[in-house]
mmCIF file of all heavy atoms, coordinates in Angstrom:
data_MODEL
# 
_entry.id   MODEL 
# 
loop_
_atom_site.group_PDB 
_atom_site.id 
_atom_site.type_symbol 
_atom_site.label_atom_id 
_atom_site.label_alt_id 
_atom_site.label_comp_id 
_atom_site.label_asym_id 
_atom_site.label_entity_id 
_atom_site.label_seq_id 
_atom_site.pdbx_PDB_ins_code 
_atom_site.Cartn_x 
_atom_site.Cartn_y 
_atom_site.Cartn_z 
_atom_site.occupancy 
_atom_site.B_iso_or_equiv 
_atom_site.pdbx_formal_charge 
_atom_site.auth_seq_id 
_atom_site.auth_comp_id 
_atom_site.auth_asym_id 
_atom_site.auth_atom_id 
_atom_site.pdbx_PDB_model_num 
ATOM 1   N N   . VAL A 1 1  ? -6.787  -6.452  -2.742  1.00 0.00 ? 1  VAL A N   1 
ATOM 2   C CA  . VAL A 1 1  ? -6.306  -5.711  -3.911  1.00 0.00 ? 1  VAL A CA  1 
ATOM 3   C C   . VAL A 1 1  ? -7.476  -5.364  -4.827  1.00 0.00 ? 1  VAL A C   1 
ATOM 4   O O   . VAL A 1 1  ? -7.555  -4.259  -5.363  1.00 0.00 ? 1  VAL A O   1 
ATOM 5   C CB  . VAL A 1 1  ? -5.213  -6.514  -4.660  1.00 0.00 ? 1  VAL A CB  1 
ATOM 6   C CG1 . VAL A 1 1  ? -4.874  -5.882  -5.996  1.00 0.00 ? 1  VAL A CG1 1 
ATOM 7   C CG2 . VAL A 1 1  ? -3.956  -6.621  -3.792  1.00 0.00 ? 1  VAL A CG2 1 
ATOM 8   N N   . ARG A 1 2  ? -8.414  -6.292  -4.991  1.00 0.00 ? 2  ARG A N   1 
ATOM 9   C CA  . ARG A 1 2  ? -9.585  -6.015  -5.821  1.00 0.00 ? 2  ARG A CA  1 
ATOM 10  C C   . ARG A 1 2  ? -10.379 -4.836  -5.271  1.00 0.00 ? 2  ARG A C   1 
ATOM 11  O O   . ARG A 1 2  ? -10.742 -3.918  -5.998  1.00 0.00 ? 2  ARG A O   1 
ATOM 12  C CB  . ARG A 1 2  ? -10.494 -7.245  -5.922  1.00 0.00 ? 2  ARG A CB  1 
ATOM 13  C CG  . ARG A 1 2  ? -11.648 -7.052  -6.911  1.00 0.00 ? 2  ARG A CG  1 
ATOM 14  C CD  . ARG A 1 2  ? -12.743 -8.078  -6.729  1.00 0.00 ? 2  ARG A CD  1 
ATOM 15  N NE  . ARG A 1 2  ? -13.475 -7.938  -5.487  1.00 0.00 ? 2  ARG A NE  1 
ATOM 16  C CZ  . ARG A 1 2  ? -14.414 -7.001  -5.263  1.00 0.00 ? 2  ARG A CZ  1 
ATOM 17  N NH1 . ARG A 1 2  ? -14.711 -6.123  -6.184  1.00 0.00 ? 2  ARG A NH1 1 
ATOM 18  N NH2 . ARG A 1 2  ? -15.036 -6.951  -4.112  1.00 0.00 ? 2  ARG A NH2 1 
ATOM 19  N N   . ARG A 1 3  ? -10.595 -4.818  -3.982  1.00 0.00 ? 3  ARG A N   1 
ATOM 20  C CA  . ARG A 1 3  ? -11.338 -3.713  -3.361  1.00 0.00 ? 3  ARG A CA  1 
ATOM 21  C C   . ARG A 1 3  ? -10.583 -2.399  -3.480  1.00 0.00 ? 3  ARG A C   1 
ATOM 22  O O   . ARG A 1 3  ? -11.174 -1.355  -3.717  1.00 0.00 ? 3  ARG A O   1 
ATOM 23  C CB  . ARG A 1 3  ? -11.644 -4.033  -1.904  1.00 0.00 ? 3  ARG A CB  1 
ATOM 24  C CG  . ARG A 1 3  ? -12.655 -5.130  -1.739  1.00 0.00 ? 3  ARG A CG  1 
ATOM 25  C CD  . ARG A 1 3  ? -12.942 -5.405  -0.292  1.00 0.00 ? 3  ARG A CD  1 
ATOM 26  N NE  . ARG A 1 3  ? -13.827 -6.555  -0.142  1.00 0.00 ? 3  ARG A NE  1 
ATOM 27  C CZ  . ARG A 1 3  ? -14.407 -6.889  1.000   1.00 0.00 ? 3  ARG A CZ  1 
ATOM 28  N NH1 . ARG A 1 3  ? -14.191 -6.165  2.089   1.00 0.00 ? 3  ARG A NH1 1 
ATOM 29  N NH2 . ARG A 1 3  ? -15.186 -7.938  1.056   1.00 0.00 ? 3  ARG A NH2 1 
ATOM 30  N N   . LEU A 1 4  ? -9.268  -2.453  -3.305  1.00 0.00 ? 4  LEU A N   1 
ATOM 31  C CA  . LEU A 1 4  ? -8.449  -1.250  -3.468  1.00 0.00 ? 4  LEU A CA  1 
ATOM 32  C C   . LEU A 1 4  ? -8.561  -0.727  -4.891  1.00 0.00 ? 4  LEU A C   1 
ATOM 33  O O   . LEU A 1 4  ? -8.708  0.477   -5.120  1.00 0.00 ? 4  LEU A O   1 
ATOM 34  C CB  . LEU A 1 4  ? -6.990  -1.546  -3.118  1.00 0.00 ? 4  LEU A CB  1 
ATOM 35  C CG  . LEU A 1 4  ? -6.007  -0.406  -3.362  1.00 0.00 ? 4  LEU A CG  1 
ATOM 36  C CD1 . LEU A 1 4  ? -6.328  0.779   -2.463  1.00 0.00 ? 4  LEU A CD1 1 
ATOM 37  C CD2 . LEU A 1 4  ? -4.588  -0.884  -3.138  1.00 0.00 ? 4  LEU A CD2 1 
ATOM 38  N N   . GLY A 1 5  ? -8.517  -1.619  -5.873  1.00 0.00 ? 5  GLY A N   1 
ATOM 39  C CA  . GLY A 1 5  ? -8.640  -1.221  -7.274  1.00 0.00 ? 5  GLY A CA  1 
ATOM 40  C C   . GLY A 1 5  ? -9.989  -0.582  -7.571  1.00 0.00 ? 5  GLY A C   1 
ATOM 41  O O   . GLY A 1 5  ? -10.075 0.408   -8.305  1.00 0.00 ? 5  GLY A O   1 
ATOM 42  N N   . GLU A 1 6  ? -11.047 -1.138  -7.023  1.00 0.00 ? 6  GLU A N   1 
ATOM 43  C CA  . GLU A 1 6  ? -12.388 -0.559  -7.213  1.00 0.00 ? 6  GLU A CA  1 
ATOM 44  C C   . GLU A 1 6  ? -12.463 0.831   -6.593  1.00 0.00 ? 6  GLU A C   1 
ATOM 45  O O   . GLU A 1 6  ? -13.011 1.765   -7.181  1.00 0.00 ? 6  GLU A O   1 
ATOM 46  C CB  . GLU A 1 6  ? -13.462 -1.473  -6.619  1.00 0.00 ? 6  GLU A CB  1 
ATOM 47  C CG  . GLU A 1 6  ? -13.612 -2.801  -7.326  1.00 0.00 ? 6  GLU A CG  1 
ATOM 48  C CD  . GLU A 1 6  ? -14.209 -2.685  -8.719  1.00 0.00 ? 6  GLU A CD  1 
ATOM 49  O OE1 . GLU A 1 6  ? -14.737 -1.617  -9.092  1.00 0.00 ? 6  GLU A OE1 1 
ATOM 50  O OE2 . GLU A 1 6  ? -14.138 -3.689  -9.458  1.00 0.00 ? 6  GLU A OE2 1 
ATOM 51  N N   . LEU A 1 7  ? -11.903 0.975   -5.397  1.00 0.00 ? 7  LEU A N   1 
ATOM 52  C CA  . LEU A 1 7  ? -11.887 2.283   -4.731  1.00 0.00 ? 7  LEU A CA  1 
ATOM 53  C C   . LEU A 1 7  ? -11.067 3.285   -5.536  1.00 0.00 ? 7  LEU A C   1 
ATOM 54  O O   . LEU A 1 7  ? -11.479 4.434   -5.725  1.00 0.00 ? 7  LEU A O   1 
ATOM 55  C CB  . LEU A 1 7  ? -11.328 2.150   -3.320  1.00 0.00 ? 7  LEU A CB  1 
ATOM 56  C CG  . LEU A 1 7  ? -11.181 3.446   -2.528  1.00 0.00 ? 7  LEU A CG  1 
ATOM 57  C CD1 . LEU A 1 7  ? -12.541 4.118   -2.328  1.00 0.00 ? 7  LEU A CD1 1 
ATOM 58  C CD2 . LEU A 1 7  ? -10.503 3.174   -1.194  1.00 0.00 ? 7  LEU A CD2 1 
ATOM 59  N N   . ALA A 1 8  ? -9.922  2.858   -6.040  1.00 0.00 ? 8  ALA A N   1 
ATOM 60  C CA  . ALA A 1 8  ? -9.073  3.738   -6.839  1.00 0.00 ? 8  ALA A CA  1 
ATOM 61  C C   . ALA A 1 8  ? -9.811  4.223   -8.080  1.00 0.00 ? 8  ALA A C   1 
ATOM 62  O O   . ALA A 1 8  ? -9.756  5.400   -8.432  1.00 0.00 ? 8  ALA A O   1 
ATOM 63  C CB  . ALA A 1 8  ? -7.784  3.014   -7.235  1.00 0.00 ? 8  ALA A CB  1 
ATOM 64  N N   . ARG A 1 9  ? -10.529 3.323   -8.739  1.00 0.00 ? 9  ARG A N   1 
ATOM 65  C CA  . ARG A 1 9  ? -11.276 3.711   -9.942  1.00 0.00 ? 9  ARG A CA  1 
ATOM 66  C C   . ARG A 1 9  ? -12.361 4.733   -9.609  1.00 0.00 ? 9  ARG A C   1 
ATOM 67  O O   . ARG A 1 9  ? -12.531 5.720   -10.314 1.00 0.00 ? 9  ARG A O   1 
ATOM 68  C CB  . ARG A 1 9  ? -11.903 2.489   -10.619 1.00 0.00 ? 9  ARG A CB  1 
ATOM 69  C CG  . ARG A 1 9  ? -12.594 2.849   -11.932 1.00 0.00 ? 9  ARG A CG  1 
ATOM 70  C CD  . ARG A 1 9  ? -13.322 1.686   -12.554 1.00 0.00 ? 9  ARG A CD  1 
ATOM 71  N NE  . ARG A 1 9  ? -14.118 0.895   -11.645 1.00 0.00 ? 9  ARG A NE  1 
ATOM 72  C CZ  . ARG A 1 9  ? -15.312 1.258   -11.152 1.00 0.00 ? 9  ARG A CZ  1 
ATOM 73  N NH1 . ARG A 1 9  ? -15.837 2.405   -11.489 1.00 0.00 ? 9  ARG A NH1 1 
ATOM 74  N NH2 . ARG A 1 9  ? -15.963 0.464   -10.326 1.00 0.00 ? 9  ARG A NH2 1 
ATOM 75  N N   . ILE A 1 10 ? -13.066 4.526   -8.525  1.00 0.00 ? 10 ILE A N   1 
ATOM 76  C CA  . ILE A 1 10 ? -14.117 5.467   -8.120  1.00 0.00 ? 10 ILE A CA  1 
ATOM 77  C C   . ILE A 1 10 ? -13.521 6.849   -7.847  1.00 0.00 ? 10 ILE A C   1 
ATOM 78  O O   . ILE A 1 10 ? -14.017 7.866   -8.328  1.00 0.00 ? 10 ILE A O   1 
ATOM 79  C CB  . ILE A 1 10 ? -14.870 4.942   -6.876  1.00 0.00 ? 10 ILE A CB  1 
ATOM 80  C CG1 . ILE A 1 10 ? -15.707 3.721   -7.260  1.00 0.00 ? 10 ILE A CG1 1 
ATOM 81  C CG2 . ILE A 1 10 ? -15.734 6.038   -6.257  1.00 0.00 ? 10 ILE A CG2 1 
ATOM 82  C CD1 . ILE A 1 10 ? -16.229 2.934   -6.066  1.00 0.00 ? 10 ILE A CD1 1 
ATOM 83  N N   . LEU A 1 11 ? -12.431 6.885   -7.091  1.00 0.00 ? 11 LEU A N   1 
ATOM 84  C CA  . LEU A 1 11 ? -11.834 8.173   -6.735  1.00 0.00 ? 11 LEU A CA  1 
ATOM 85  C C   . LEU A 1 11 ? -11.181 8.866   -7.925  1.00 0.00 ? 11 LEU A C   1 
ATOM 86  O O   . LEU A 1 11 ? -11.276 10.080  -8.069  1.00 0.00 ? 11 LEU A O   1 
ATOM 87  C CB  . LEU A 1 11 ? -10.838 7.990   -5.582  1.00 0.00 ? 11 LEU A CB  1 
ATOM 88  C CG  . LEU A 1 11 ? -11.471 7.578   -4.254  1.00 0.00 ? 11 LEU A CG  1 
ATOM 89  C CD1 . LEU A 1 11 ? -10.395 7.308   -3.210  1.00 0.00 ? 11 LEU A CD1 1 
ATOM 90  C CD2 . LEU A 1 11 ? -12.453 8.613   -3.754  1.00 0.00 ? 11 LEU A CD2 1 
ATOM 91  N N   . THR A 1 12 ? -10.526 8.102   -8.788  1.00 0.00 ? 12 THR A N   1 
ATOM 92  C CA  . THR A 1 12 ? -9.912  8.728   -9.961  1.00 0.00 ? 12 THR A CA  1 
ATOM 93  C C   . THR A 1 12 ? -10.968 9.146   -10.980 1.00 0.00 ? 12 THR A C   1 
ATOM 94  O O   . THR A 1 12 ? -10.813 10.157  -11.654 1.00 0.00 ? 12 THR A O   1 
ATOM 95  C CB  . THR A 1 12 ? -8.834  7.835   -10.606 1.00 0.00 ? 12 THR A CB  1 
ATOM 96  O OG1 . THR A 1 12 ? -9.379  6.559   -10.919 1.00 0.00 ? 12 THR A OG1 1 
ATOM 97  C CG2 . THR A 1 12 ? -7.638  7.671   -9.677  1.00 0.00 ? 12 THR A CG2 1 
ATOM 98  N N   . ASP A 1 13 ? -12.054 8.382   -11.087 1.00 0.00 ? 13 ASP A N   1 
ATOM 99  C CA  . ASP A 1 13 ? -13.171 8.806   -11.942 1.00 0.00 ? 13 ASP A CA  1 
ATOM 100 C C   . ASP A 1 13 ? -13.752 10.130  -11.464 1.00 0.00 ? 13 ASP A C   1 
ATOM 101 O O   . ASP A 1 13 ? -14.222 10.937  -12.252 1.00 0.00 ? 13 ASP A O   1 
ATOM 102 C CB  . ASP A 1 13 ? -14.298 7.761   -11.970 1.00 0.00 ? 13 ASP A CB  1 
ATOM 103 C CG  . ASP A 1 13 ? -14.030 6.626   -12.930 1.00 0.00 ? 13 ASP A CG  1 
ATOM 104 O OD1 . ASP A 1 13 ? -13.065 6.712   -13.722 1.00 0.00 ? 13 ASP A OD1 1 
ATOM 105 O OD2 . ASP A 1 13 ? -14.795 5.641   -12.889 1.00 0.00 ? 13 ASP A OD2 1 
ATOM 106 N N   . ALA A 1 14 ? -13.711 10.348  -10.153 1.00 0.00 ? 14 ALA A N   1 
ATOM 107 C CA  . ALA A 1 14 ? -14.216 11.597  -9.574  1.00 0.00 ? 14 ALA A CA  1 
ATOM 108 C C   . ALA A 1 14 ? -13.223 12.742  -9.744  1.00 0.00 ? 14 ALA A C   1 
ATOM 109 O O   . ALA A 1 14 ? -13.508 13.871  -9.356  1.00 0.00 ? 14 ALA A O   1 
ATOM 110 C CB  . ALA A 1 14 ? -14.540 11.402  -8.091  1.00 0.00 ? 14 ALA A CB  1 
ATOM 111 N N   . GLY A 1 15 ? -12.055 12.464  -10.314 1.00 0.00 ? 15 GLY A N   1 
ATOM 112 C CA  . GLY A 1 15 ? -11.080 13.510  -10.589 1.00 0.00 ? 15 GLY A CA  1 
ATOM 113 C C   . GLY A 1 15 ? -10.005 13.678  -9.533  1.00 0.00 ? 15 GLY A C   1 
ATOM 114 O O   . GLY A 1 15 ? -9.223  14.620  -9.589  1.00 0.00 ? 15 GLY A O   1 
ATOM 115 N N   . LEU A 1 16 ? -9.938  12.783  -8.582  1.00 0.00 ? 16 LEU A N   1 
ATOM 116 C CA  . LEU A 1 16 ? -8.920  12.882  -7.546  1.00 0.00 ? 16 LEU A CA  1 
ATOM 117 C C   . LEU A 1 16 ? -7.647  12.163  -7.949  1.00 0.00 ? 16 LEU A C   1 
ATOM 118 O O   . LEU A 1 16 ? -7.679  11.197  -8.713  1.00 0.00 ? 16 LEU A O   1 
ATOM 119 C CB  . LEU A 1 16 ? -9.422  12.251  -6.239  1.00 0.00 ? 16 LEU A CB  1 
ATOM 120 C CG  . LEU A 1 16 ? -10.223 13.140  -5.314  1.00 0.00 ? 16 LEU A CG  1 
ATOM 121 C CD1 . LEU A 1 16 ? -11.617 13.337  -5.838  1.00 0.00 ? 16 LEU A CD1 1 
ATOM 122 C CD2 . LEU A 1 16 ? -10.248 12.566  -3.931  1.00 0.00 ? 16 LEU A CD2 1 
ATOM 123 N N   . ILE A 1 17 ? -6.556  12.633  -7.407  1.00 0.00 ? 17 ILE A N   1 
ATOM 124 C CA  . ILE A 1 17 ? -5.306  11.885  -7.446  1.00 0.00 ? 17 ILE A CA  1 
ATOM 125 C C   . ILE A 1 17 ? -5.340  11.027  -6.194  1.00 0.00 ? 17 ILE A C   1 
ATOM 126 O O   . ILE A 1 17 ? -5.372  11.538  -5.079  1.00 0.00 ? 17 ILE A O   1 
ATOM 127 C CB  . ILE A 1 17 ? -4.077  12.816  -7.429  1.00 0.00 ? 17 ILE A CB  1 
ATOM 128 C CG1 . ILE A 1 17 ? -4.077  13.719  -8.659  1.00 0.00 ? 17 ILE A CG1 1 
ATOM 129 C CG2 . ILE A 1 17 ? -2.787  12.003  -7.332  1.00 0.00 ? 17 ILE A CG2 1 
ATOM 130 C CD1 . ILE A 1 17 ? -3.038  14.833  -8.593  1.00 0.00 ? 17 ILE A CD1 1 
ATOM 131 N N   . PHE A 1 18 ? -5.386  9.715   -6.374  1.00 0.00 ? 18 PHE A N   1 
ATOM 132 C CA  . PHE A 1 18 ? -5.494  8.791   -5.244  1.00 0.00 ? 18 PHE A CA  1 
ATOM 133 C C   . PHE A 1 18 ? -4.123  8.204   -4.963  1.00 0.00 ? 18 PHE A C   1 
ATOM 134 O O   . PHE A 1 18 ? -3.451  7.712   -5.860  1.00 0.00 ? 18 PHE A O   1 
ATOM 135 C CB  . PHE A 1 18 ? -6.497  7.684   -5.567  1.00 0.00 ? 18 PHE A CB  1 
ATOM 136 C CG  . PHE A 1 18 ? -6.606  6.635   -4.502  1.00 0.00 ? 18 PHE A CG  1 
ATOM 137 C CD1 . PHE A 1 18 ? -7.030  6.959   -3.228  1.00 0.00 ? 18 PHE A CD1 1 
ATOM 138 C CD2 . PHE A 1 18 ? -6.289  5.312   -4.778  1.00 0.00 ? 18 PHE A CD2 1 
ATOM 139 C CE1 . PHE A 1 18 ? -7.129  5.992   -2.241  1.00 0.00 ? 18 PHE A CE1 1 
ATOM 140 C CE2 . PHE A 1 18 ? -6.398  4.335   -3.809  1.00 0.00 ? 18 PHE A CE2 1 
ATOM 141 C CZ  . PHE A 1 18 ? -6.817  4.675   -2.532  1.00 0.00 ? 18 PHE A CZ  1 
ATOM 142 N N   . ILE A 1 19 ? -3.719  8.271   -3.701  1.00 0.00 ? 19 ILE A N   1 
ATOM 143 C CA  . ILE A 1 19 ? -2.407  7.783   -3.275  1.00 0.00 ? 19 ILE A CA  1 
ATOM 144 C C   . ILE A 1 19 ? -2.618  6.712   -2.210  1.00 0.00 ? 19 ILE A C   1 
ATOM 145 O O   . ILE A 1 19 ? -3.415  6.896   -1.290  1.00 0.00 ? 19 ILE A O   1 
ATOM 146 C CB  . ILE A 1 19 ? -1.562  8.921   -2.663  1.00 0.00 ? 19 ILE A CB  1 
ATOM 147 C CG1 . ILE A 1 19 ? -1.391  10.059  -3.664  1.00 0.00 ? 19 ILE A CG1 1 
ATOM 148 C CG2 . ILE A 1 19 ? -0.212  8.394   -2.181  1.00 0.00 ? 19 ILE A CG2 1 
ATOM 149 C CD1 . ILE A 1 19 ? -0.840  11.335  -3.034  1.00 0.00 ? 19 ILE A CD1 1 
ATOM 150 N N   . THR A 1 20 ? -1.894  5.623   -2.324  1.00 0.00 ? 20 THR A N   1 
ATOM 151 C CA  . THR A 1 20 ? -1.875  4.628   -1.269  1.00 0.00 ? 20 THR A CA  1 
ATOM 152 C C   . THR A 1 20 ? -0.473  4.040   -1.183  1.00 0.00 ? 20 THR A C   1 
ATOM 153 O O   . THR A 1 20 ? 0.345   4.242   -2.088  1.00 0.00 ? 20 THR A O   1 
ATOM 154 C CB  . THR A 1 20 ? -2.930  3.519   -1.499  1.00 0.00 ? 20 THR A CB  1 
ATOM 155 O OG1 . THR A 1 20 ? -3.071  2.762   -0.292  1.00 0.00 ? 20 THR A OG1 1 
ATOM 156 C CG2 . THR A 1 20 ? -2.579  2.628   -2.662  1.00 0.00 ? 20 THR A CG2 1 
ATOM 157 N N   . ALA A 1 21 ? -0.196  3.366   -0.107  1.00 0.00 ? 21 ALA A N   1 
ATOM 158 C CA  . ALA A 1 21 ? 1.088   2.700   0.086   1.00 0.00 ? 21 ALA A CA  1 
ATOM 159 C C   . ALA A 1 21 ? 0.804   1.230   0.357   1.00 0.00 ? 21 ALA A C   1 
ATOM 160 O O   . ALA A 1 21 ? 0.085   0.898   1.294   1.00 0.00 ? 21 ALA A O   1 
ATOM 161 C CB  . ALA A 1 21 ? 1.843   3.325   1.259   1.00 0.00 ? 21 ALA A CB  1 
ATOM 162 N N   . ILE A 1 22 ? 1.346   0.371   -0.488  1.00 0.00 ? 22 ILE A N   1 
ATOM 163 C CA  . ILE A 1 22 ? 1.078   -1.064  -0.390  1.00 0.00 ? 22 ILE A CA  1 
ATOM 164 C C   . ILE A 1 22 ? 2.376   -1.797  -0.059  1.00 0.00 ? 22 ILE A C   1 
ATOM 165 O O   . ILE A 1 22 ? 3.365   -1.665  -0.775  1.00 0.00 ? 22 ILE A O   1 
ATOM 166 C CB  . ILE A 1 22 ? 0.540   -1.612  -1.727  1.00 0.00 ? 22 ILE A CB  1 
ATOM 167 C CG1 . ILE A 1 22 ? -0.685  -0.829  -2.173  1.00 0.00 ? 22 ILE A CG1 1 
ATOM 168 C CG2 . ILE A 1 22 ? 0.225   -3.093  -1.603  1.00 0.00 ? 22 ILE A CG2 1 
ATOM 169 C CD1 . ILE A 1 22 ? -1.144  -1.190  -3.567  1.00 0.00 ? 22 ILE A CD1 1 
ATOM 170 N N   . ASP A 1 23 ? 2.343   -2.561  1.026   1.00 0.00 ? 23 ASP A N   1 
ATOM 171 C CA  . ASP A 1 23 ? 3.496   -3.376  1.374   1.00 0.00 ? 23 ASP A CA  1 
ATOM 172 C C   . ASP A 1 23 ? 3.625   -4.542  0.408   1.00 0.00 ? 23 ASP A C   1 
ATOM 173 O O   . ASP A 1 23 ? 2.649   -5.245  0.129   1.00 0.00 ? 23 ASP A O   1 
ATOM 174 C CB  . ASP A 1 23 ? 3.350   -3.948  2.791   1.00 0.00 ? 23 ASP A CB  1 
ATOM 175 C CG  . ASP A 1 23 ? 3.489   -2.900  3.874   1.00 0.00 ? 23 ASP A CG  1 
ATOM 176 O OD1 . ASP A 1 23 ? 4.087   -1.844  3.612   1.00 0.00 ? 23 ASP A OD1 1 
ATOM 177 O OD2 . ASP A 1 23 ? 2.987   -3.136  4.996   1.00 0.00 ? 23 ASP A OD2 1 
ATOM 178 N N   . GLU A 1 24 ? 4.830   -4.723  -0.115  1.00 0.00 ? 24 GLU A N   1 
ATOM 179 C CA  . GLU A 1 24 ? 5.219   -5.923  -0.850  1.00 0.00 ? 24 GLU A CA  1 
ATOM 180 C C   . GLU A 1 24 ? 4.295   -6.293  -2.009  1.00 0.00 ? 24 GLU A C   1 
ATOM 181 O O   . GLU A 1 24 ? 4.016   -7.470  -2.234  1.00 0.00 ? 24 GLU A O   1 
ATOM 182 C CB  . GLU A 1 24 ? 5.356   -7.081  0.131   1.00 0.00 ? 24 GLU A CB  1 
ATOM 183 C CG  . GLU A 1 24 ? 6.366   -6.779  1.230   1.00 0.00 ? 24 GLU A CG  1 
ATOM 184 C CD  . GLU A 1 24 ? 6.481   -7.864  2.274   1.00 0.00 ? 24 GLU A CD  1 
ATOM 185 O OE1 . GLU A 1 24 ? 6.081   -9.023  1.993   1.00 0.00 ? 24 GLU A OE1 1 
ATOM 186 O OE2 . GLU A 1 24 ? 6.987   -7.568  3.369   1.00 0.00 ? 24 GLU A OE2 1 
ATOM 187 N N   . ALA A 1 25 ? 3.838   -5.302  -2.769  1.00 0.00 ? 25 ALA A N   1 
ATOM 188 C CA  . ALA A 1 25 ? 3.021   -5.599  -3.952  1.00 0.00 ? 25 ALA A CA  1 
ATOM 189 C C   . ALA A 1 25 ? 3.855   -6.382  -4.957  1.00 0.00 ? 25 ALA A C   1 
ATOM 190 O O   . ALA A 1 25 ? 5.051   -6.156  -5.098  1.00 0.00 ? 25 ALA A O   1 
ATOM 191 C CB  . ALA A 1 25 ? 2.511   -4.305  -4.579  1.00 0.00 ? 25 ALA A CB  1 
ATOM 192 N N   . ASP A 1 26 ? 3.205   -7.305  -5.655  1.00 0.00 ? 26 ASP A N   1 
ATOM 193 C CA  . ASP A 1 26 ? 3.898   -8.079  -6.680  1.00 0.00 ? 26 ASP A CA  1 
ATOM 194 C C   . ASP A 1 26 ? 3.286   -7.785  -8.048  1.00 0.00 ? 26 ASP A C   1 
ATOM 195 O O   . ASP A 1 26 ? 2.376   -6.954  -8.169  1.00 0.00 ? 26 ASP A O   1 
ATOM 196 C CB  . ASP A 1 26 ? 3.890   -9.576  -6.354  1.00 0.00 ? 26 ASP A CB  1 
ATOM 197 C CG  . ASP A 1 26 ? 2.495   -10.167 -6.257  1.00 0.00 ? 26 ASP A CG  1 
ATOM 198 O OD1 . ASP A 1 26 ? 1.528   -9.563  -6.774  1.00 0.00 ? 26 ASP A OD1 1 
ATOM 199 O OD2 . ASP A 1 26 ? 2.358   -11.255 -5.671  1.00 0.00 ? 26 ASP A OD2 1 
ATOM 200 N N   . ASP A 1 27 ? 3.778   -8.449  -9.073  1.00 0.00 ? 27 ASP A N   1 
ATOM 201 C CA  . ASP A 1 27 ? 3.304   -8.213  -10.445 1.00 0.00 ? 27 ASP A CA  1 
ATOM 202 C C   . ASP A 1 27 ? 1.800   -8.429  -10.574 1.00 0.00 ? 27 ASP A C   1 
ATOM 203 O O   . ASP A 1 27 ? 1.115   -7.655  -11.234 1.00 0.00 ? 27 ASP A O   1 
ATOM 204 C CB  . ASP A 1 27 ? 4.028   -9.143  -11.428 1.00 0.00 ? 27 ASP A CB  1 
ATOM 205 C CG  . ASP A 1 27 ? 5.503   -8.833  -11.541 1.00 0.00 ? 27 ASP A CG  1 
ATOM 206 O OD1 . ASP A 1 27 ? 5.861   -7.652  -11.648 1.00 0.00 ? 27 ASP A OD1 1 
ATOM 207 O OD2 . ASP A 1 27 ? 6.311   -9.783  -11.523 1.00 0.00 ? 27 ASP A OD2 1 
ATOM 208 N N   . PHE A 1 28 ? 1.290   -9.479  -9.953  1.00 0.00 ? 28 PHE A N   1 
ATOM 209 C CA  . PHE A 1 28 ? -0.141  -9.773  -10.019 1.00 0.00 ? 28 PHE A CA  1 
ATOM 210 C C   . PHE A 1 28 ? -0.952  -8.633  -9.409  1.00 0.00 ? 28 PHE A C   1 
ATOM 211 O O   . PHE A 1 28 ? -1.973  -8.217  -9.966  1.00 0.00 ? 28 PHE A O   1 
ATOM 212 C CB  . PHE A 1 28 ? -0.447  -11.101 -9.307  1.00 0.00 ? 28 PHE A CB  1 
ATOM 213 C CG  . PHE A 1 28 ? -1.908  -11.450 -9.336  1.00 0.00 ? 28 PHE A CG  1 
ATOM 214 C CD1 . PHE A 1 28 ? -2.488  -11.991 -10.474 1.00 0.00 ? 28 PHE A CD1 1 
ATOM 215 C CD2 . PHE A 1 28 ? -2.691  -11.233 -8.216  1.00 0.00 ? 28 PHE A CD2 1 
ATOM 216 C CE1 . PHE A 1 28 ? -3.840  -12.300 -10.494 1.00 0.00 ? 28 PHE A CE1 1 
ATOM 217 C CE2 . PHE A 1 28 ? -4.046  -11.538 -8.227  1.00 0.00 ? 28 PHE A CE2 1 
ATOM 218 C CZ  . PHE A 1 28 ? -4.624  -12.075 -9.375  1.00 0.00 ? 28 PHE A CZ  1 
ATOM 219 N N   . ASP A 1 29 ? -0.512  -8.111  -8.258  1.00 0.00 ? 29 ASP A N   1 
ATOM 220 C CA  . ASP A 1 29 ? -1.214  -6.995  -7.603  1.00 0.00 ? 29 ASP A CA  1 
ATOM 221 C C   . ASP A 1 29 ? -1.251  -5.770  -8.517  1.00 0.00 ? 29 ASP A C   1 
ATOM 222 O O   . ASP A 1 29 ? -2.304  -5.137  -8.676  1.00 0.00 ? 29 ASP A O   1 
ATOM 223 C CB  . ASP A 1 29 ? -0.527  -6.613  -6.287  1.00 0.00 ? 29 ASP A CB  1 
ATOM 224 C CG  . ASP A 1 29 ? -0.523  -7.724  -5.270  1.00 0.00 ? 29 ASP A CG  1 
ATOM 225 O OD1 . ASP A 1 29 ? -1.438  -8.582  -5.295  1.00 0.00 ? 29 ASP A OD1 1 
ATOM 226 O OD2 . ASP A 1 29 ? 0.409   -7.750  -4.439  1.00 0.00 ? 29 ASP A OD2 1 
# 
């Protein structure tokens, strides 16, 4: 999840709409 979050920040900082599908994410995730 930490790596996914870092990747999301990089891609959204670059101006992209980043989409992913996560199985069974919980509040902490």
